């Protein structure tokens, strides 16, 4: 049986200047190392937000989340405070779905959740749960207290270089946490899973473009841990009536075209972040210039070649997957444009989008990187009728730049305003 698309839509609320965020606190994130003073301040603000969350939980209309409603799909979005997860939650809410976000805020932004809550403030639309997927008891509590119909699993650490330096962290956070989540879904009879995977599971294939049947030979712990999670899902679904869709992303860029959400890397993570974020930081003067790692790859200009997919297109692929899941089957799809762009080409496009001639320093290769990766998206077009629409790189970067320029401090300015 296919998952039916939603038949009833809710009215979208207007953005309000007041701070009103419903939610619950089911668990405490795992302790992290001490960081710089800015991060301490951000943590203090986050703690204040969490206090408000707990104070408002009695008024959040939670009964609506604990009961099923005809024509309304209740989707659990793990990592929904992150860049991709928050955009997915926005689309789900726009389509009239009921959304529960679970995030431990170790990488996500509470400000993104604030924006979503202000847009969708009616009871039963959105709730936030502060919990860590590594906390088995907290995860089971989420499912026990909520009538979940489907799960979109985004929550994960996701930096190649960091995975090379901290491999155990990646196997724990990605592979182990996915197993914990899947076991909770089985126990509570939730039968639809959309899994956020990555093209890093392919490693560095001998031939381009990459198809779904290209051998998976990952070369870094990030890709390896994602592949292990994929294998767990595939092995279980063969023995069950769960519908699972595995989406292998290529390089995600862009932001909400209407300017409601964007990419806001936390200061302590800038060294690991996406090249678009680094380029914008350089254009804003947050960092002195852009560093490009690796100029001696066997490519047309010596820099890595990647397939850049707009976050709005990526989210649309998730909605298509949600609508087409088949019980007892695993659908596997590449999500990309099918076009490879070099890092040097990307930098030039970013300069054009920002109007700033950022300085560029070329460094040695980053450990764990691969020379060339781009997709063959024909399968997802054929089976899910999905294709990338935002394929003009300069336009995609211009949209993201407008949000970032309007929010130079990311979501921190929103948190500070409460």
Foldseek 3Di string as FASTA:
>chain_A
DFQAQFDDADDWADFDLDFDAEAEELAADDDDDDDDPVVVVVVVLVVVVVVRRHVCHVVQQLVLFADDDPREAEEEEEPCQAALNVLLLLVCNRSHHAYEYEYQPPWGDVLSSRLVCSGPVDRRRYYYYNHALLPLRSLLVVLNSGPHQEYEYDDADAFQLVCQVPVVRRLCRQQVSLVSNVVSCVVSVHAEYEYEAAPLQQDAAPDDADDPPRDGDHQTSNNVSRVNSVVVVQVVLLVWFHFYEYEHEWAEFFHDLVLSAAHAGDPVCVVRDDQLVQLLCLLVVVDVFAEAAFQCAPDPRGAAKTFYAYSNLVSVLVSLSSRGTGTSDYHYFYDGQRDIDGPVRLSVLLCVLSVHPGDYHYHHHRPRDYRYYDHDRVVCCVPSVGHGDPRDSSVRSNSNSVSCVVVVNHSVVVSVSD
